[in-house]
Amino acid sequence: MKKNVLKCAFACLVIVVLFQIGIGNAQADMMFDFELFSTGVDDNCDVLTEGTTDTHWTIAASPGGAANAIVQTPFAGWLGHQTNSRWIGSTTNGSDFVTPGTYDYEMNFDLTGFVPESAVITGNFLSDDSAEIFVNDMTTSISGGGFVSLTAFTLNSGNSTFNAGINTLRFRVNNAAVGDNPSGLQVEFTAATAIPEPSSFALFGVLGLGIFKRRR
């Protein structure tokens, strides 16, 4: 009888694991275990119209101070909007000239319920001019970019220190020209995976064991 109870508890645990995996695969046709928002999208990850404020991203610091991130009409020299993301910046028109200097674009994401060290985030970005990626105020040593072709990136425990809870992703864009000139950022995530905390499985396992015991 004890063996049967343990088998039932294990089966319950397997069901929970498969359920978690199913949730992780639900966003679009890509794998997202936790919530991330590409630039220029709404709460449902549908792209926003130009001139709309992006509520998931902010310009936390710039030569003119903190500002809203606004979905831009791309500058003529930029690679355009991508399928699941949009250019954002401090002005509606990407052709507007803005002050040279650094612009910190930030977005928060939550790893509550996941093993932080297991998180992996992949995507592509465009920036005018170059950009450097930070996670929780620490550089990932990923930099470069440009505005005519996509730059792929991967964030994991090898280059990022993730927190068990709220994390801050920052793209530090350097508008490097001598005089005022266009600047902006576009980020499109392709996947975000992480392993659920063992304590979550343990809880479901104990609950399942209790259920089967009551049915004896």
N, C-alpha and C. Protein backbone atom coordinates (compact mmCIF):
# COMPACT_ATOMS: atom_id res chain seq x y z
N MET A 1 0.83 -1.21 0.00
CA MET A 1 0.00 0.00 0.00
C MET A 1 0.86 1.26 0.00
N LYS A 2 1.94 1.26 0.80
CA LYS A 2 2.83 2.42 0.84
C LYS A 2 3.44 2.70 -0.53
N LYS A 3 3.81 1.61 -1.25
CA LYS A 3 4.40 1.79 -2.57
C LYS A 3 3.40 2.44 -3.52
N ASN A 4 2.13 2.02 -3.42
CA ASN A 4 1.10 2.59 -4.28
C ASN A 4 0.90 4.07 -3.99
N VAL A 5 0.95 4.43 -2.70
CA VAL A 5 0.80 5.84 -2.32
C VAL A 5 1.93 6.67 -2.88
N LEU A 6 3.16 6.16 -2.78
CA LEU A 6 4.32 6.89 -3.30
C LEU A 6 4.24 7.03 -4.82
N LYS A 7 3.77 5.97 -5.50
CA LYS A 7 3.62 6.03 -6.95
C LYS A 7 2.60 7.10 -7.35
N CYS A 8 1.51 7.15 -6.60
CA CYS A 8 0.47 8.14 -6.89
C CYS A 8 0.98 9.56 -6.66
N ALA A 9 1.76 9.73 -5.57
CA ALA A 9 2.31 11.04 -5.27
C ALA A 9 3.28 11.47 -6.36
N PHE A 10 4.09 10.52 -6.83
CA PHE A 10 5.04 10.84 -7.90
C PHE A 10 4.30 11.21 -9.19
N ALA A 11 3.21 10.48 -9.48
CA ALA A 11 2.42 10.79 -10.67
C ALA A 11 1.84 12.19 -10.58
N CYS A 12 1.41 12.57 -9.38
CA CYS A 12 0.87 13.92 -9.18
C CYS A 12 1.94 14.96 -9.45
N LEU A 13 3.15 14.69 -8.96
CA LEU A 13 4.26 15.61 -9.17
C LEU A 13 4.57 15.77 -10.65
N VAL A 14 4.55 14.67 -11.39
CA VAL A 14 4.82 14.71 -12.83
C VAL A 14 3.77 15.56 -13.54
N ILE A 15 2.51 15.42 -13.14
CA ILE A 15 1.44 16.21 -13.75
C ILE A 15 1.68 17.69 -13.53
N VAL A 16 2.10 18.05 -12.29
CA VAL A 16 2.37 19.45 -11.98
C VAL A 16 3.50 19.99 -12.84
N VAL A 17 4.55 19.20 -13.01
CA VAL A 17 5.69 19.61 -13.84
C VAL A 17 5.24 19.86 -15.27
N LEU A 18 4.46 18.94 -15.82
CA LEU A 18 3.99 19.10 -17.19
C LEU A 18 3.07 20.30 -17.32
N PHE A 19 2.27 20.58 -16.28
CA PHE A 19 1.40 21.74 -16.29
C PHE A 19 2.22 23.02 -16.33
N GLN A 20 3.30 23.07 -15.54
CA GLN A 20 4.17 24.25 -15.53
C GLN A 20 4.81 24.45 -16.89
N ILE A 21 5.23 23.35 -17.51
CA ILE A 21 5.86 23.46 -18.83
C ILE A 21 4.85 23.98 -19.84
N GLY A 22 3.62 23.50 -19.75
CA GLY A 22 2.58 23.95 -20.66
C GLY A 22 2.33 25.43 -20.54
N ILE A 23 2.33 25.96 -19.30
CA ILE A 23 2.16 27.40 -19.10
C ILE A 23 3.32 28.15 -19.73
N GLY A 24 4.52 27.62 -19.56
CA GLY A 24 5.69 28.30 -20.08
C GLY A 24 5.70 28.40 -21.60
N ASN A 25 5.02 27.45 -22.26
CA ASN A 25 5.01 27.45 -23.72
C ASN A 25 3.81 28.17 -24.32
N ALA A 26 3.02 28.82 -23.47
CA ALA A 26 1.75 29.35 -23.94
C ALA A 26 1.86 30.67 -24.69
N GLN A 27 2.90 31.48 -24.43
CA GLN A 27 2.99 32.80 -25.05
C GLN A 27 3.45 32.68 -26.49
N ALA A 28 2.56 33.14 -27.41
CA ALA A 28 2.81 33.01 -28.85
C ALA A 28 3.19 31.57 -29.17
N ASP A 29 4.17 31.36 -30.03
CA ASP A 29 4.68 30.03 -30.30
C ASP A 29 6.10 29.90 -29.77
N MET A 30 6.49 30.84 -28.91
CA MET A 30 7.83 30.84 -28.35
C MET A 30 7.75 30.43 -26.88
N MET A 31 8.89 30.15 -26.28
CA MET A 31 8.91 29.67 -24.91
C MET A 31 9.15 30.82 -23.95
N PHE A 32 8.16 31.13 -23.14
CA PHE A 32 8.26 32.16 -22.12
C PHE A 32 7.73 31.60 -20.80
N ASP A 33 8.65 31.25 -19.90
CA ASP A 33 8.26 30.75 -18.59
C ASP A 33 7.87 31.88 -17.66
N PHE A 34 8.41 33.07 -17.89
CA PHE A 34 8.06 34.24 -17.09
C PHE A 34 7.84 35.42 -18.03
N GLU A 35 7.21 36.47 -17.49
CA GLU A 35 6.71 37.55 -18.33
C GLU A 35 7.80 38.56 -18.67
N LEU A 36 7.94 38.82 -19.97
CA LEU A 36 8.82 39.86 -20.49
C LEU A 36 8.05 40.64 -21.55
N PHE A 37 8.41 41.90 -21.72
CA PHE A 37 7.74 42.72 -22.71
C PHE A 37 8.77 43.35 -23.64
N SER A 38 8.69 43.04 -24.92
CA SER A 38 9.52 43.70 -25.91
C SER A 38 9.16 45.18 -25.92
N THR A 39 10.01 46.00 -26.53
CA THR A 39 9.70 47.43 -26.59
C THR A 39 8.50 47.68 -27.50
N GLY A 40 7.64 48.60 -27.05
CA GLY A 40 6.53 49.02 -27.88
C GLY A 40 5.36 48.06 -27.96
N VAL A 41 5.10 47.32 -26.85
CA VAL A 41 3.94 46.41 -26.83
C VAL A 41 3.08 46.68 -25.60
N ASP A 42 1.82 46.21 -25.65
CA ASP A 42 0.92 46.39 -24.53
C ASP A 42 0.97 45.18 -23.60
N ASP A 43 0.02 45.10 -22.67
CA ASP A 43 0.01 44.02 -21.68
C ASP A 43 -0.19 42.64 -22.32
N ASN A 44 -0.77 42.62 -23.51
CA ASN A 44 -0.99 41.36 -24.22
C ASN A 44 0.10 41.07 -25.25
N CYS A 45 1.15 41.90 -25.23
CA CYS A 45 2.26 41.79 -26.17
C CYS A 45 1.86 42.10 -27.61
N ASP A 46 0.77 42.83 -27.77
CA ASP A 46 0.40 43.35 -29.08
C ASP A 46 1.11 44.68 -29.28
N VAL A 47 1.58 44.94 -30.50
CA VAL A 47 2.35 46.16 -30.74
C VAL A 47 1.48 47.40 -30.61
N LEU A 48 2.09 48.47 -30.11
CA LEU A 48 1.41 49.74 -29.89
C LEU A 48 1.53 50.63 -31.13
N THR A 49 0.65 51.60 -31.23
CA THR A 49 0.73 52.58 -32.31
C THR A 49 1.79 53.63 -31.99
N GLU A 50 2.35 54.21 -33.02
CA GLU A 50 3.36 55.25 -32.84
C GLU A 50 2.76 56.44 -32.08
N GLY A 51 3.54 56.99 -31.17
CA GLY A 51 3.08 58.09 -30.34
C GLY A 51 2.54 57.66 -28.99
N THR A 52 2.39 56.33 -28.78
CA THR A 52 1.87 55.79 -27.52
C THR A 52 3.00 55.62 -26.52
N THR A 53 2.72 55.90 -25.25
CA THR A 53 3.71 55.66 -24.20
C THR A 53 3.82 54.17 -23.90
N ASP A 54 5.04 53.67 -23.84
CA ASP A 54 5.30 52.28 -23.47
C ASP A 54 5.32 52.20 -21.95
N THR A 55 4.33 51.52 -21.36
CA THR A 55 4.21 51.48 -19.90
C THR A 55 5.11 50.44 -19.24
N HIS A 56 5.76 49.61 -20.04
CA HIS A 56 6.65 48.59 -19.48
C HIS A 56 8.11 49.04 -19.45
N TRP A 57 8.46 49.95 -20.33
CA TRP A 57 9.81 50.48 -20.40
C TRP A 57 9.81 51.96 -20.01
N THR A 58 10.86 52.39 -19.36
CA THR A 58 11.03 53.81 -19.04
C THR A 58 12.44 54.24 -19.41
N ILE A 59 12.62 55.53 -19.62
CA ILE A 59 13.96 56.10 -19.75
C ILE A 59 14.32 56.60 -18.35
N ALA A 60 15.08 55.78 -17.62
CA ALA A 60 15.35 56.08 -16.22
C ALA A 60 16.35 57.21 -16.06
N ALA A 61 17.19 57.41 -17.06
CA ALA A 61 18.20 58.49 -17.00
C ALA A 61 18.56 58.89 -18.42
N SER A 62 18.79 60.19 -18.60
CA SER A 62 19.19 60.73 -19.90
C SER A 62 19.77 62.11 -19.66
N PRO A 63 20.36 62.74 -20.67
CA PRO A 63 20.87 64.11 -20.47
C PRO A 63 19.80 65.08 -20.00
N GLY A 64 18.53 64.79 -20.32
CA GLY A 64 17.44 65.66 -19.90
C GLY A 64 16.69 65.14 -18.68
N GLY A 65 17.20 64.07 -18.05
CA GLY A 65 16.54 63.48 -16.90
C GLY A 65 15.66 62.30 -17.29
N ALA A 66 14.93 61.76 -16.32
CA ALA A 66 14.04 60.62 -16.57
C ALA A 66 12.90 61.05 -17.48
N ALA A 67 12.40 60.10 -18.27
CA ALA A 67 11.32 60.43 -19.22
C ALA A 67 10.55 59.17 -19.58
N ASN A 68 9.35 59.37 -20.11
CA ASN A 68 8.58 58.26 -20.63
C ASN A 68 9.25 57.73 -21.89
N ALA A 69 9.09 56.44 -22.14
CA ALA A 69 9.53 55.83 -23.39
C ALA A 69 8.35 55.83 -24.34
N ILE A 70 8.50 56.44 -25.49
CA ILE A 70 7.40 56.63 -26.44
C ILE A 70 7.68 55.83 -27.71
N VAL A 71 6.65 55.17 -28.24
CA VAL A 71 6.79 54.44 -29.50
C VAL A 71 7.02 55.45 -30.62
N GLN A 72 8.13 55.26 -31.33
CA GLN A 72 8.55 56.24 -32.32
C GLN A 72 8.20 55.85 -33.75
N THR A 73 8.07 56.86 -34.59
CA THR A 73 8.13 56.66 -36.04
C THR A 73 9.61 56.52 -36.39
N PRO A 74 10.04 55.39 -36.95
CA PRO A 74 11.47 55.17 -37.15
C PRO A 74 12.11 56.23 -38.06
N PHE A 75 13.33 56.59 -37.73
CA PHE A 75 14.15 57.45 -38.58
C PHE A 75 14.40 56.71 -39.90
N ALA A 76 14.51 57.45 -40.99
CA ALA A 76 14.65 56.85 -42.32
C ALA A 76 15.86 55.94 -42.44
N GLY A 77 16.92 56.22 -41.67
CA GLY A 77 18.14 55.42 -41.77
C GLY A 77 18.13 54.17 -40.92
N TRP A 78 17.07 53.96 -40.14
CA TRP A 78 17.00 52.78 -39.25
C TRP A 78 16.34 51.59 -39.95
N LEU A 79 16.74 50.38 -39.54
CA LEU A 79 15.94 49.20 -39.85
C LEU A 79 14.60 49.39 -39.14
N GLY A 80 13.50 49.11 -39.82
CA GLY A 80 12.19 49.47 -39.29
C GLY A 80 11.71 48.64 -38.12
N HIS A 81 10.44 48.88 -37.75
CA HIS A 81 9.80 48.09 -36.71
C HIS A 81 9.85 46.61 -37.07
N GLN A 82 10.04 45.78 -36.05
CA GLN A 82 10.01 44.34 -36.25
C GLN A 82 8.59 43.80 -35.99
N THR A 83 8.37 42.53 -36.25
CA THR A 83 7.03 41.96 -36.17
C THR A 83 6.41 42.11 -34.78
N ASN A 84 7.21 41.86 -33.73
CA ASN A 84 6.68 41.83 -32.37
C ASN A 84 7.28 42.90 -31.47
N SER A 85 7.78 43.98 -32.05
CA SER A 85 8.38 45.06 -31.25
C SER A 85 8.35 46.35 -32.05
N ARG A 86 8.65 47.45 -31.36
CA ARG A 86 8.66 48.77 -31.99
C ARG A 86 9.83 49.59 -31.44
N TRP A 87 10.28 50.57 -32.23
CA TRP A 87 11.27 51.52 -31.75
C TRP A 87 10.65 52.38 -30.65
N ILE A 88 11.41 52.68 -29.60
CA ILE A 88 10.98 53.62 -28.57
C ILE A 88 12.09 54.64 -28.33
N GLY A 89 11.70 55.80 -27.81
CA GLY A 89 12.66 56.86 -27.51
C GLY A 89 12.00 57.95 -26.70
N SER A 90 12.67 59.06 -26.61
CA SER A 90 12.16 60.17 -25.79
C SER A 90 11.19 61.07 -26.56
N THR A 91 11.11 60.88 -27.88
CA THR A 91 10.18 61.68 -28.70
C THR A 91 9.38 60.76 -29.62
N THR A 92 8.28 61.27 -30.13
CA THR A 92 7.43 60.47 -31.02
C THR A 92 8.09 60.23 -32.37
N ASN A 93 8.80 61.22 -32.86
CA ASN A 93 9.41 61.13 -34.18
C ASN A 93 10.88 60.74 -34.05
N GLY A 94 11.22 59.57 -34.60
CA GLY A 94 12.60 59.11 -34.53
C GLY A 94 13.57 60.00 -35.27
N SER A 95 13.07 60.88 -36.13
CA SER A 95 13.94 61.81 -36.86
C SER A 95 14.30 63.04 -36.03
N ASP A 96 13.65 63.20 -34.87
CA ASP A 96 13.98 64.35 -34.02
C ASP A 96 15.42 64.27 -33.53
N PHE A 97 16.07 65.40 -33.47
CA PHE A 97 17.42 65.46 -32.93
C PHE A 97 17.34 65.58 -31.41
N VAL A 98 18.10 64.71 -30.72
CA VAL A 98 18.13 64.75 -29.26
C VAL A 98 19.57 64.93 -28.78
N THR A 99 19.73 65.31 -27.53
CA THR A 99 21.04 65.64 -26.97
C THR A 99 21.95 64.43 -26.92
N PRO A 100 23.22 64.57 -27.30
CA PRO A 100 24.17 63.45 -27.16
C PRO A 100 24.32 63.06 -25.68
N GLY A 101 24.69 61.81 -25.45
CA GLY A 101 24.88 61.31 -24.09
C GLY A 101 24.28 59.92 -23.94
N THR A 102 24.16 59.47 -22.69
CA THR A 102 23.64 58.13 -22.42
C THR A 102 22.17 58.18 -22.04
N TYR A 103 21.43 57.19 -22.53
CA TYR A 103 20.00 57.04 -22.27
C TYR A 103 19.78 55.64 -21.70
N ASP A 104 19.32 55.56 -20.45
CA ASP A 104 19.11 54.27 -19.79
C ASP A 104 17.65 53.83 -19.94
N TYR A 105 17.42 52.84 -20.78
CA TYR A 105 16.08 52.26 -20.96
C TYR A 105 15.96 51.06 -20.02
N GLU A 106 14.93 51.05 -19.19
CA GLU A 106 14.80 49.99 -18.19
C GLU A 106 13.43 49.33 -18.21
N MET A 107 13.44 48.02 -17.88
CA MET A 107 12.21 47.25 -17.71
C MET A 107 12.42 46.28 -16.57
N ASN A 108 11.41 46.10 -15.71
CA ASN A 108 11.48 45.14 -14.61
C ASN A 108 10.80 43.84 -15.00
N PHE A 109 11.32 42.73 -14.46
CA PHE A 109 10.67 41.43 -14.65
C PHE A 109 10.82 40.63 -13.36
N ASP A 110 9.92 39.66 -13.17
CA ASP A 110 9.78 38.97 -11.89
C ASP A 110 10.13 37.49 -12.03
N LEU A 111 11.07 37.03 -11.20
CA LEU A 111 11.46 35.62 -11.19
C LEU A 111 10.98 34.91 -9.92
N THR A 112 9.98 35.46 -9.25
CA THR A 112 9.41 34.80 -8.08
C THR A 112 8.90 33.42 -8.45
N GLY A 113 9.28 32.41 -7.68
CA GLY A 113 8.85 31.04 -7.95
C GLY A 113 9.78 30.27 -8.86
N PHE A 114 10.87 30.91 -9.30
CA PHE A 114 11.84 30.25 -10.17
C PHE A 114 13.23 30.25 -9.54
N VAL A 115 14.07 29.32 -9.96
CA VAL A 115 15.47 29.31 -9.54
C VAL A 115 16.18 30.39 -10.34
N PRO A 116 16.65 31.47 -9.69
CA PRO A 116 17.21 32.60 -10.44
C PRO A 116 18.36 32.21 -11.37
N GLU A 117 19.24 31.34 -10.87
CA GLU A 117 20.41 30.97 -11.66
C GLU A 117 20.08 30.21 -12.93
N SER A 118 18.85 29.69 -13.02
CA SER A 118 18.47 28.90 -14.19
C SER A 118 17.90 29.76 -15.32
N ALA A 119 17.67 31.04 -15.06
CA ALA A 119 17.01 31.90 -16.05
C ALA A 119 17.89 32.11 -17.28
N VAL A 120 17.25 32.06 -18.44
CA VAL A 120 17.92 32.34 -19.71
C VAL A 120 16.97 33.21 -20.55
N ILE A 121 17.48 34.34 -21.01
CA ILE A 121 16.70 35.27 -21.83
C ILE A 121 17.42 35.47 -23.16
N THR A 122 16.70 35.34 -24.25
CA THR A 122 17.29 35.58 -25.57
C THR A 122 16.46 36.61 -26.33
N GLY A 123 17.11 37.29 -27.25
CA GLY A 123 16.41 38.28 -28.04
C GLY A 123 17.33 38.97 -29.02
N ASN A 124 16.82 40.04 -29.62
CA ASN A 124 17.57 40.86 -30.57
C ASN A 124 17.30 42.33 -30.27
N PHE A 125 18.27 43.19 -30.59
CA PHE A 125 18.04 44.61 -30.37
C PHE A 125 18.64 45.46 -31.48
N LEU A 126 18.09 46.66 -31.58
CA LEU A 126 18.60 47.72 -32.45
C LEU A 126 18.76 48.96 -31.60
N SER A 127 19.77 49.75 -31.86
CA SER A 127 19.98 50.96 -31.06
C SER A 127 20.69 52.02 -31.89
N ASP A 128 20.40 53.27 -31.54
CA ASP A 128 21.08 54.40 -32.16
C ASP A 128 21.58 55.30 -31.02
N ASP A 129 22.93 55.31 -30.70
CA ASP A 129 23.93 54.57 -31.48
C ASP A 129 24.14 53.18 -30.84
N SER A 130 25.24 52.97 -30.16
CA SER A 130 25.55 51.69 -29.55
C SER A 130 24.81 51.52 -28.23
N ALA A 131 24.81 50.28 -27.70
CA ALA A 131 24.14 50.01 -26.43
C ALA A 131 24.93 48.97 -25.64
N GLU A 132 24.78 49.02 -24.32
CA GLU A 132 25.35 48.03 -23.41
C GLU A 132 24.24 47.53 -22.51
N ILE A 133 24.22 46.21 -22.24
CA ILE A 133 23.14 45.61 -21.46
C ILE A 133 23.58 45.39 -20.01
N PHE A 134 22.71 45.79 -19.07
CA PHE A 134 22.93 45.60 -17.65
C PHE A 134 21.78 44.80 -17.05
N VAL A 135 22.08 43.97 -16.05
CA VAL A 135 21.06 43.29 -15.26
C VAL A 135 21.31 43.61 -13.80
N ASN A 136 20.34 44.20 -13.15
CA ASN A 136 20.45 44.58 -11.74
C ASN A 136 21.71 45.42 -11.48
N ASP A 137 21.89 46.43 -12.31
CA ASP A 137 22.96 47.41 -12.19
C ASP A 137 24.36 46.87 -12.49
N MET A 138 24.45 45.64 -12.94
CA MET A 138 25.75 45.05 -13.27
C MET A 138 25.82 44.79 -14.76
N THR A 139 26.95 45.18 -15.37
CA THR A 139 27.09 44.98 -16.81
C THR A 139 27.15 43.49 -17.14
N THR A 140 26.57 43.14 -18.27
CA THR A 140 26.66 41.77 -18.76
C THR A 140 27.85 41.60 -19.71
N SER A 141 28.54 42.70 -19.97
CA SER A 141 29.63 42.74 -20.94
C SER A 141 29.14 42.48 -22.36
N ILE A 142 27.82 42.62 -22.58
CA ILE A 142 27.26 42.55 -23.93
C ILE A 142 27.05 43.98 -24.40
N SER A 143 27.70 44.35 -25.48
CA SER A 143 27.57 45.71 -26.00
C SER A 143 27.71 45.68 -27.50
N GLY A 144 27.43 46.80 -28.11
CA GLY A 144 27.52 46.89 -29.55
C GLY A 144 26.22 47.44 -30.11
N GLY A 145 25.63 46.69 -31.01
CA GLY A 145 24.38 47.13 -31.60
C GLY A 145 24.59 48.04 -32.79
N GLY A 146 23.56 48.76 -33.11
CA GLY A 146 23.52 49.60 -34.29
C GLY A 146 22.09 49.65 -34.78
N PHE A 147 21.82 50.43 -35.82
CA PHE A 147 20.44 50.63 -36.23
C PHE A 147 20.11 50.13 -37.62
N VAL A 148 21.04 49.41 -38.26
CA VAL A 148 20.76 48.89 -39.60
C VAL A 148 20.64 47.36 -39.63
N SER A 149 21.05 46.69 -38.57
CA SER A 149 20.91 45.23 -38.50
C SER A 149 20.74 44.81 -37.05
N LEU A 150 20.04 43.70 -36.84
CA LEU A 150 19.74 43.20 -35.50
C LEU A 150 21.00 42.65 -34.82
N THR A 151 21.08 42.86 -33.52
CA THR A 151 22.14 42.26 -32.70
C THR A 151 21.50 41.27 -31.75
N ALA A 152 21.91 40.01 -31.83
CA ALA A 152 21.36 38.96 -30.96
C ALA A 152 22.04 39.01 -29.59
N PHE A 153 21.30 38.64 -28.54
CA PHE A 153 21.89 38.58 -27.21
C PHE A 153 21.29 37.42 -26.42
N THR A 154 22.08 36.91 -25.48
CA THR A 154 21.64 35.87 -24.55
C THR A 154 22.07 36.27 -23.15
N LEU A 155 21.13 36.29 -22.21
CA LEU A 155 21.42 36.57 -20.80
C LEU A 155 21.23 35.29 -20.00
N ASN A 156 22.25 34.92 -19.23
CA ASN A 156 22.18 33.72 -18.39
C ASN A 156 23.09 33.90 -17.19
N SER A 157 23.26 32.85 -16.40
CA SER A 157 24.05 32.95 -15.18
C SER A 157 25.53 33.21 -15.45
N GLY A 158 25.96 33.01 -16.69
CA GLY A 158 27.35 33.27 -17.03
C GLY A 158 27.67 34.74 -17.18
N ASN A 159 26.65 35.57 -17.48
CA ASN A 159 26.91 37.00 -17.65
C ASN A 159 25.97 37.89 -16.84
N SER A 160 25.01 37.27 -16.12
CA SER A 160 24.02 38.05 -15.37
C SER A 160 23.80 37.45 -13.99
N THR A 161 23.56 38.31 -13.00
CA THR A 161 23.21 37.87 -11.65
C THR A 161 21.74 38.19 -11.44
N PHE A 162 20.90 37.15 -11.51
CA PHE A 162 19.47 37.33 -11.36
C PHE A 162 19.05 37.22 -9.90
N ASN A 163 18.00 37.95 -9.54
CA ASN A 163 17.44 37.92 -8.19
C ASN A 163 16.23 37.01 -8.13
N ALA A 164 15.97 36.46 -6.95
CA ALA A 164 14.75 35.69 -6.71
C ALA A 164 13.62 36.66 -6.40
N GLY A 165 13.06 37.24 -7.42
CA GLY A 165 12.05 38.28 -7.26
C GLY A 165 12.16 39.26 -8.40
N ILE A 166 12.05 40.56 -8.09
CA ILE A 166 12.09 41.59 -9.13
C ILE A 166 13.52 41.83 -9.61
N ASN A 167 13.67 41.89 -10.92
CA ASN A 167 14.95 42.17 -11.57
C ASN A 167 14.78 43.36 -12.51
N THR A 168 15.88 44.07 -12.75
CA THR A 168 15.85 45.22 -13.65
C THR A 168 16.80 44.99 -14.82
N LEU A 169 16.23 45.05 -16.01
CA LEU A 169 17.02 44.95 -17.25
C LEU A 169 17.21 46.36 -17.80
N ARG A 170 18.45 46.71 -18.13
CA ARG A 170 18.75 48.05 -18.64
C ARG A 170 19.54 47.96 -19.93
N PHE A 171 19.11 48.73 -20.92
CA PHE A 171 19.89 48.95 -22.14
C PHE A 171 20.39 50.39 -22.07
N ARG A 172 21.69 50.55 -21.94
CA ARG A 172 22.29 51.89 -21.88
C ARG A 172 22.71 52.29 -23.29
N VAL A 173 21.94 53.17 -23.88
CA VAL A 173 22.18 53.60 -25.26
C VAL A 173 23.05 54.86 -25.24
N ASN A 174 24.09 54.83 -26.04
CA ASN A 174 25.01 55.97 -26.14
C ASN A 174 24.74 56.71 -27.44
N ASN A 175 24.18 57.91 -27.32
CA ASN A 175 23.99 58.76 -28.49
C ASN A 175 25.27 59.58 -28.64
N ALA A 176 26.16 59.09 -29.51
CA ALA A 176 27.56 59.49 -29.45
C ALA A 176 27.97 60.64 -30.35
N ALA A 177 27.09 61.15 -31.19
CA ALA A 177 27.50 62.19 -32.13
C ALA A 177 27.88 63.48 -31.42
N VAL A 178 28.59 64.34 -32.13
CA VAL A 178 29.04 65.61 -31.56
C VAL A 178 27.86 66.53 -31.29
N GLY A 179 26.91 66.60 -32.22
CA GLY A 179 25.74 67.46 -32.05
C GLY A 179 24.48 66.66 -31.87
N ASP A 180 23.35 67.36 -31.69
CA ASP A 180 22.07 66.69 -31.56
C ASP A 180 21.79 65.83 -32.79
N ASN A 181 21.18 64.65 -32.58
CA ASN A 181 20.91 63.72 -33.68
C ASN A 181 19.90 62.67 -33.20
N PRO A 182 19.32 61.87 -34.11
CA PRO A 182 18.32 60.87 -33.70
C PRO A 182 18.89 59.80 -32.78
N SER A 183 18.02 59.25 -31.93
CA SER A 183 18.42 58.15 -31.04
C SER A 183 17.18 57.37 -30.64
N GLY A 184 17.36 56.07 -30.41
CA GLY A 184 16.24 55.24 -29.98
C GLY A 184 16.70 53.82 -29.70
N LEU A 185 15.73 52.96 -29.32
CA LEU A 185 16.03 51.57 -28.97
C LEU A 185 14.85 50.69 -29.40
N GLN A 186 15.19 49.49 -29.86
CA GLN A 186 14.17 48.47 -30.13
C GLN A 186 14.69 47.12 -29.63
N VAL A 187 13.91 46.46 -28.78
CA VAL A 187 14.28 45.16 -28.21
C VAL A 187 13.14 44.19 -28.47
N GLU A 188 13.47 43.02 -29.00
CA GLU A 188 12.47 41.97 -29.20
C GLU A 188 12.97 40.68 -28.58
N PHE A 189 12.26 40.20 -27.55
CA PHE A 189 12.62 38.96 -26.87
C PHE A 189 12.12 37.76 -27.68
N THR A 190 12.92 36.70 -27.69
CA THR A 190 12.53 35.48 -28.40
C THR A 190 12.27 34.31 -27.47
N ALA A 191 12.79 34.35 -26.25
CA ALA A 191 12.53 33.29 -25.27
C ALA A 191 12.95 33.75 -23.88
N ALA A 192 12.30 33.16 -22.87
CA ALA A 192 12.64 33.42 -21.46
C ALA A 192 12.31 32.17 -20.67
N THR A 193 13.33 31.42 -20.31
CA THR A 193 13.11 30.14 -19.64
C THR A 193 13.73 30.14 -18.24
N ALA A 194 13.15 29.35 -17.35
CA ALA A 194 13.67 29.20 -16.00
C ALA A 194 13.05 27.96 -15.36
N ILE A 195 13.76 27.37 -14.40
CA ILE A 195 13.29 26.19 -13.69
C ILE A 195 12.50 26.62 -12.46
N PRO A 196 11.28 26.10 -12.25
CA PRO A 196 10.53 26.44 -11.04
C PRO A 196 11.28 25.99 -9.79
N GLU A 197 11.09 26.72 -8.69
CA GLU A 197 11.74 26.37 -7.43
C GLU A 197 11.30 24.98 -6.96
N PRO A 198 12.22 24.18 -6.42
CA PRO A 198 11.86 22.85 -5.91
C PRO A 198 10.77 22.91 -4.85
N SER A 199 10.73 23.97 -4.05
CA SER A 199 9.73 24.07 -2.99
C SER A 199 8.32 24.06 -3.56
N SER A 200 8.15 24.58 -4.78
CA SER A 200 6.83 24.58 -5.41
C SER A 200 6.39 23.15 -5.71
N PHE A 201 7.32 22.35 -6.23
CA PHE A 201 7.00 20.96 -6.52
C PHE A 201 6.76 20.18 -5.24
N ALA A 202 7.58 20.47 -4.23
CA ALA A 202 7.45 19.75 -2.96
C ALA A 202 6.08 19.98 -2.36
N LEU A 203 5.58 21.23 -2.45
CA LEU A 203 4.27 21.55 -1.90
C LEU A 203 3.19 20.75 -2.61
N PHE A 204 3.24 20.71 -3.94
CA PHE A 204 2.24 19.96 -4.69
C PHE A 204 2.36 18.47 -4.41
N GLY A 205 3.60 18.00 -4.21
CA GLY A 205 3.79 16.60 -3.92
C GLY A 205 3.17 16.22 -2.59
N VAL A 206 3.36 17.06 -1.58
CA VAL A 206 2.78 16.81 -0.26
C VAL A 206 1.26 16.84 -0.33
N LEU A 207 0.72 17.83 -1.05
CA LEU A 207 -0.73 17.93 -1.20
C LEU A 207 -1.29 16.70 -1.90
N GLY A 208 -0.58 16.27 -2.94
CA GLY A 208 -1.03 15.08 -3.65
C GLY A 208 -0.98 13.85 -2.78
N LEU A 209 0.06 13.72 -1.96
CA LEU A 209 0.18 12.59 -1.06
C LEU A 209 -0.97 12.57 -0.08
N GLY A 210 -1.33 13.76 0.43
CA GLY A 210 -2.44 13.85 1.37
C GLY A 210 -3.75 13.46 0.73
N ILE A 211 -3.94 13.83 -0.52
CA ILE A 211 -5.17 13.48 -1.22
C ILE A 211 -5.30 11.97 -1.36
N PHE A 212 -4.19 11.32 -1.76
CA PHE A 212 -4.25 9.89 -1.95
C PHE A 212 -4.42 9.13 -0.63
N LYS A 213 -3.83 9.67 0.44
CA LYS A 213 -3.99 9.05 1.74
C LYS A 213 -5.44 9.10 2.18
N ARG A 214 -6.12 10.22 1.91
CA ARG A 214 -7.51 10.35 2.34
C ARG A 214 -8.41 9.40 1.56
N ARG A 215 -7.93 8.95 0.37
CA ARG A 215 -8.75 8.05 -0.44
C ARG A 215 -8.54 6.60 -0.08
N ARG A 216 -7.66 6.32 0.85
CA ARG A 216 -7.38 4.93 1.22
C ARG A 216 -8.60 4.30 1.87
